[in-house]
Amino acid sequence: MKEPFYIMAIRPPVIEAIQPFTEYVQANEPGCLHYQMFQPADAEPGNGAIIFIEQWKDMEALEQHRAGEQYRALMARAKNEGLLTGPPDVKVLQPVGGFGPR
């Protein structure tokens, strides 16, 4: 895949654990074009799924991200501290209509 692409992952509420990692990605991974957490607007704070929207320059940038020490440390922490209720539900998306950011 040569064009930028998006990933959506549904994760439990671990915002406090993930926020420092998102700052690391922004500062150190130029292949990451978009990396943002969302939660349903009607969810109570601290409850409900966290949805990540990620956009990567290419698959190589994503693979480097996943192979990185910071990513592996976050995943180990999530497992060790029971932050995840299961594995992330990751979907690679392809645009089929509409438009992107202006």
N, C-alpha and C. Protein backbone atom coordinates (compact mmCIF):
# COMPACT_ATOMS: atom_id res chain seq x y z
N MET A 1 0.85 -1.17 0.00
CA MET A 1 0.00 0.00 0.00
C MET A 1 0.90 1.24 0.00
N LYS A 2 0.77 2.08 -1.01
CA LYS A 2 1.65 3.24 -1.15
C LYS A 2 1.05 4.51 -0.55
N GLU A 3 -0.26 4.59 -0.49
CA GLU A 3 -0.88 5.81 0.02
C GLU A 3 -1.01 5.76 1.54
N PRO A 4 -1.17 6.91 2.20
CA PRO A 4 -1.42 6.90 3.64
C PRO A 4 -2.67 6.08 3.93
N PHE A 5 -2.72 5.48 5.10
CA PHE A 5 -3.88 4.69 5.48
C PHE A 5 -4.20 4.92 6.95
N TYR A 6 -5.40 4.52 7.33
CA TYR A 6 -5.89 4.73 8.70
C TYR A 6 -6.03 3.39 9.40
N ILE A 7 -5.90 3.41 10.73
CA ILE A 7 -6.16 2.24 11.56
C ILE A 7 -7.12 2.67 12.65
N MET A 8 -8.09 1.83 12.93
CA MET A 8 -8.99 2.08 14.05
C MET A 8 -8.83 0.93 15.04
N ALA A 9 -8.60 1.22 16.28
CA ALA A 9 -8.48 0.19 17.31
C ALA A 9 -9.38 0.55 18.47
N ILE A 10 -10.21 -0.38 18.89
CA ILE A 10 -11.09 -0.16 20.02
C ILE A 10 -10.40 -0.73 21.25
N ARG A 11 -10.21 0.10 22.24
CA ARG A 11 -9.48 -0.30 23.44
C ARG A 11 -10.24 0.19 24.67
N PRO A 12 -10.03 -0.45 25.80
CA PRO A 12 -10.68 0.02 27.02
C PRO A 12 -10.09 1.34 27.49
N PRO A 13 -10.69 1.96 28.48
CA PRO A 13 -10.25 3.30 28.91
C PRO A 13 -8.90 3.27 29.63
N VAL A 14 -7.87 3.57 28.91
CA VAL A 14 -6.51 3.61 29.48
C VAL A 14 -5.83 4.91 29.06
N ILE A 15 -6.60 5.99 29.02
CA ILE A 15 -6.09 7.27 28.53
C ILE A 15 -4.85 7.71 29.27
N GLU A 16 -4.86 7.61 30.57
CA GLU A 16 -3.70 8.08 31.35
C GLU A 16 -2.44 7.30 31.03
N ALA A 17 -2.57 6.01 30.74
CA ALA A 17 -1.40 5.20 30.40
C ALA A 17 -0.92 5.50 28.99
N ILE A 18 -1.85 5.83 28.10
CA ILE A 18 -1.50 5.99 26.69
C ILE A 18 -1.04 7.40 26.36
N GLN A 19 -1.53 8.42 27.06
CA GLN A 19 -1.22 9.81 26.70
C GLN A 19 0.28 10.09 26.57
N PRO A 20 1.13 9.66 27.51
CA PRO A 20 2.57 9.92 27.32
C PRO A 20 3.12 9.24 26.06
N PHE A 21 2.56 8.09 25.71
CA PHE A 21 3.00 7.39 24.51
C PHE A 21 2.61 8.18 23.26
N THR A 22 1.41 8.76 23.25
CA THR A 22 1.01 9.54 22.08
C THR A 22 1.93 10.74 21.89
N GLU A 23 2.36 11.33 22.99
CA GLU A 23 3.30 12.45 22.91
C GLU A 23 4.64 12.00 22.35
N TYR A 24 5.08 10.80 22.74
CA TYR A 24 6.32 10.23 22.20
C TYR A 24 6.19 10.02 20.69
N VAL A 25 5.07 9.45 20.27
CA VAL A 25 4.86 9.18 18.84
C VAL A 25 4.90 10.49 18.06
N GLN A 26 4.22 11.51 18.56
CA GLN A 26 4.19 12.79 17.87
C GLN A 26 5.59 13.37 17.71
N ALA A 27 6.41 13.26 18.73
CA ALA A 27 7.74 13.86 18.71
C ALA A 27 8.78 13.03 17.96
N ASN A 28 8.57 11.72 17.86
CA ASN A 28 9.65 10.85 17.39
C ASN A 28 9.34 9.97 16.19
N GLU A 29 8.10 9.94 15.73
CA GLU A 29 7.76 9.05 14.62
C GLU A 29 7.16 9.87 13.47
N PRO A 30 8.01 10.38 12.58
CA PRO A 30 7.53 11.23 11.49
C PRO A 30 6.62 10.50 10.50
N GLY A 31 6.65 9.18 10.48
CA GLY A 31 5.77 8.42 9.59
C GLY A 31 4.34 8.36 10.07
N CYS A 32 4.09 8.84 11.30
CA CYS A 32 2.74 8.89 11.84
C CYS A 32 2.14 10.25 11.50
N LEU A 33 1.08 10.24 10.71
CA LEU A 33 0.45 11.48 10.25
C LEU A 33 -0.70 11.91 11.15
N HIS A 34 -1.32 10.97 11.84
CA HIS A 34 -2.49 11.25 12.68
C HIS A 34 -2.55 10.16 13.74
N TYR A 35 -2.73 10.55 15.00
CA TYR A 35 -2.74 9.58 16.10
C TYR A 35 -3.58 10.19 17.21
N GLN A 36 -4.85 9.82 17.26
CA GLN A 36 -5.76 10.50 18.16
C GLN A 36 -6.71 9.51 18.82
N MET A 37 -6.99 9.73 20.13
CA MET A 37 -7.91 8.90 20.88
C MET A 37 -9.28 9.56 20.94
N PHE A 38 -10.31 8.72 20.86
CA PHE A 38 -11.69 9.18 20.99
C PHE A 38 -12.42 8.25 21.95
N GLN A 39 -13.53 8.74 22.48
CA GLN A 39 -14.43 7.91 23.26
C GLN A 39 -15.84 8.38 22.91
N PRO A 40 -16.82 7.48 22.92
CA PRO A 40 -18.18 7.90 22.60
C PRO A 40 -18.61 9.09 23.47
N ALA A 41 -19.27 10.05 22.86
CA ALA A 41 -19.66 11.28 23.57
C ALA A 41 -20.59 11.00 24.74
N ASP A 42 -21.36 9.91 24.65
CA ASP A 42 -22.29 9.61 25.73
C ASP A 42 -21.70 8.69 26.80
N ALA A 43 -20.41 8.36 26.69
CA ALA A 43 -19.77 7.50 27.69
C ALA A 43 -19.44 8.29 28.94
N GLU A 44 -19.56 7.65 30.08
CA GLU A 44 -19.16 8.28 31.33
C GLU A 44 -17.64 8.33 31.37
N PRO A 45 -17.06 9.40 31.91
CA PRO A 45 -15.59 9.47 31.99
C PRO A 45 -15.02 8.24 32.69
N GLY A 46 -14.01 7.65 32.07
CA GLY A 46 -13.37 6.47 32.64
C GLY A 46 -14.06 5.16 32.29
N ASN A 47 -15.18 5.23 31.58
CA ASN A 47 -15.90 4.02 31.18
C ASN A 47 -16.08 4.00 29.68
N GLY A 48 -16.21 2.84 29.12
CA GLY A 48 -16.46 2.71 27.70
C GLY A 48 -15.18 2.50 26.92
N ALA A 49 -15.35 2.25 25.66
CA ALA A 49 -14.22 1.96 24.77
C ALA A 49 -13.47 3.23 24.41
N ILE A 50 -12.20 3.06 24.17
CA ILE A 50 -11.38 4.13 23.60
C ILE A 50 -11.13 3.74 22.15
N ILE A 51 -11.35 4.66 21.26
CA ILE A 51 -11.15 4.40 19.84
C ILE A 51 -9.97 5.24 19.37
N PHE A 52 -9.00 4.57 18.80
CA PHE A 52 -7.82 5.22 18.25
C PHE A 52 -8.00 5.37 16.75
N ILE A 53 -7.75 6.54 16.23
CA ILE A 53 -7.67 6.73 14.79
C ILE A 53 -6.23 7.09 14.49
N GLU A 54 -5.61 6.27 13.68
CA GLU A 54 -4.21 6.47 13.33
C GLU A 54 -4.09 6.56 11.81
N GLN A 55 -3.22 7.41 11.33
CA GLN A 55 -2.91 7.46 9.91
C GLN A 55 -1.40 7.40 9.79
N TRP A 56 -0.92 6.49 8.95
CA TRP A 56 0.51 6.28 8.75
C TRP A 56 0.88 6.56 7.31
N LYS A 57 2.07 7.08 7.11
CA LYS A 57 2.56 7.40 5.77
C LYS A 57 2.53 6.16 4.89
N ASP A 58 2.95 5.03 5.44
CA ASP A 58 2.96 3.77 4.71
C ASP A 58 3.08 2.62 5.71
N MET A 59 2.99 1.41 5.21
CA MET A 59 3.04 0.23 6.07
C MET A 59 4.39 0.12 6.78
N GLU A 60 5.45 0.54 6.14
CA GLU A 60 6.78 0.49 6.78
C GLU A 60 6.80 1.34 8.05
N ALA A 61 6.19 2.52 7.99
CA ALA A 61 6.15 3.39 9.18
C ALA A 61 5.39 2.71 10.32
N LEU A 62 4.29 2.04 9.99
CA LEU A 62 3.53 1.33 11.01
C LEU A 62 4.34 0.18 11.59
N GLU A 63 5.02 -0.56 10.74
CA GLU A 63 5.83 -1.68 11.21
C GLU A 63 6.95 -1.20 12.12
N GLN A 64 7.57 -0.07 11.79
CA GLN A 64 8.61 0.49 12.65
C GLN A 64 8.02 0.90 14.00
N HIS A 65 6.83 1.47 13.97
CA HIS A 65 6.13 1.86 15.20
C HIS A 65 5.92 0.65 16.10
N ARG A 66 5.37 -0.41 15.53
CA ARG A 66 5.07 -1.61 16.31
C ARG A 66 6.33 -2.34 16.80
N ALA A 67 7.43 -2.17 16.09
CA ALA A 67 8.69 -2.81 16.49
C ALA A 67 9.45 -1.98 17.52
N GLY A 68 9.03 -0.74 17.74
CA GLY A 68 9.75 0.17 18.61
C GLY A 68 9.70 -0.22 20.08
N GLU A 69 10.73 0.17 20.78
CA GLU A 69 10.85 -0.13 22.21
C GLU A 69 9.70 0.48 23.01
N GLN A 70 9.32 1.71 22.69
CA GLN A 70 8.24 2.39 23.43
C GLN A 70 6.91 1.65 23.27
N TYR A 71 6.61 1.22 22.04
CA TYR A 71 5.37 0.48 21.78
C TYR A 71 5.36 -0.84 22.54
N ARG A 72 6.47 -1.56 22.45
CA ARG A 72 6.55 -2.86 23.13
C ARG A 72 6.41 -2.68 24.65
N ALA A 73 7.01 -1.62 25.18
CA ALA A 73 6.90 -1.35 26.62
C ALA A 73 5.46 -1.03 27.01
N LEU A 74 4.75 -0.26 26.19
CA LEU A 74 3.36 0.06 26.48
C LEU A 74 2.50 -1.21 26.45
N MET A 75 2.72 -2.06 25.45
CA MET A 75 1.94 -3.30 25.36
C MET A 75 2.24 -4.21 26.55
N ALA A 76 3.50 -4.28 26.98
CA ALA A 76 3.86 -5.09 28.15
C ALA A 76 3.19 -4.53 29.40
N ARG A 77 3.21 -3.21 29.54
CA ARG A 77 2.56 -2.58 30.70
C ARG A 77 1.07 -2.88 30.70
N ALA A 78 0.44 -2.75 29.55
CA ALA A 78 -0.99 -3.01 29.45
C ALA A 78 -1.31 -4.44 29.86
N LYS A 79 -0.48 -5.38 29.43
CA LYS A 79 -0.70 -6.78 29.79
C LYS A 79 -0.46 -7.00 31.28
N ASN A 80 0.66 -6.50 31.78
CA ASN A 80 1.03 -6.72 33.18
C ASN A 80 0.07 -6.07 34.17
N GLU A 81 -0.47 -4.92 33.80
CA GLU A 81 -1.38 -4.20 34.70
C GLU A 81 -2.85 -4.48 34.42
N GLY A 82 -3.12 -5.37 33.46
CA GLY A 82 -4.49 -5.71 33.14
C GLY A 82 -5.28 -4.55 32.57
N LEU A 83 -4.63 -3.68 31.82
CA LEU A 83 -5.30 -2.50 31.26
C LEU A 83 -6.21 -2.84 30.09
N LEU A 84 -5.95 -3.95 29.43
CA LEU A 84 -6.75 -4.35 28.28
C LEU A 84 -7.67 -5.50 28.67
N THR A 85 -8.89 -5.47 28.16
CA THR A 85 -9.82 -6.57 28.40
C THR A 85 -9.62 -7.68 27.39
N GLY A 86 -8.83 -7.43 26.37
CA GLY A 86 -8.52 -8.39 25.33
C GLY A 86 -7.58 -7.74 24.35
N PRO A 87 -7.23 -8.45 23.30
CA PRO A 87 -6.32 -7.84 22.32
C PRO A 87 -7.01 -6.68 21.60
N PRO A 88 -6.24 -5.67 21.18
CA PRO A 88 -6.84 -4.57 20.42
C PRO A 88 -7.54 -5.08 19.16
N ASP A 89 -8.67 -4.51 18.85
CA ASP A 89 -9.43 -4.85 17.64
C ASP A 89 -9.00 -3.87 16.57
N VAL A 90 -8.02 -4.26 15.77
CA VAL A 90 -7.41 -3.36 14.79
C VAL A 90 -8.00 -3.60 13.42
N LYS A 91 -8.40 -2.53 12.76
CA LYS A 91 -8.95 -2.59 11.41
C LYS A 91 -8.15 -1.63 10.54
N VAL A 92 -7.60 -2.12 9.44
CA VAL A 92 -6.96 -1.25 8.46
C VAL A 92 -8.06 -0.82 7.51
N LEU A 93 -8.23 0.49 7.38
CA LEU A 93 -9.33 1.04 6.59
C LEU A 93 -8.84 1.62 5.28
N GLN A 94 -9.72 1.59 4.29
CA GLN A 94 -9.44 2.16 2.98
C GLN A 94 -10.56 3.13 2.64
N PRO A 95 -10.23 4.36 2.25
CA PRO A 95 -11.29 5.32 1.91
C PRO A 95 -12.13 4.82 0.73
N VAL A 96 -13.44 5.03 0.84
CA VAL A 96 -14.34 4.65 -0.25
C VAL A 96 -15.24 5.81 -0.67
N GLY A 97 -15.09 6.96 -0.02
CA GLY A 97 -15.90 8.11 -0.37
C GLY A 97 -15.70 9.23 0.62
N GLY A 98 -16.35 10.34 0.38
CA GLY A 98 -16.23 11.49 1.25
C GLY A 98 -14.93 12.24 1.01
N PHE A 99 -14.46 12.97 2.03
CA PHE A 99 -13.21 13.71 1.89
C PHE A 99 -12.50 13.76 3.22
N GLY A 100 -11.20 14.01 3.16
CA GLY A 100 -10.36 14.07 4.35
C GLY A 100 -10.29 15.47 4.91
N PRO A 101 -9.35 15.69 5.84
CA PRO A 101 -9.20 17.01 6.45
C PRO A 101 -8.97 18.10 5.40
N ARG A 102 -9.44 19.28 5.69
CA ARG A 102 -9.24 20.41 4.76
C ARG A 102 -7.98 21.14 5.09
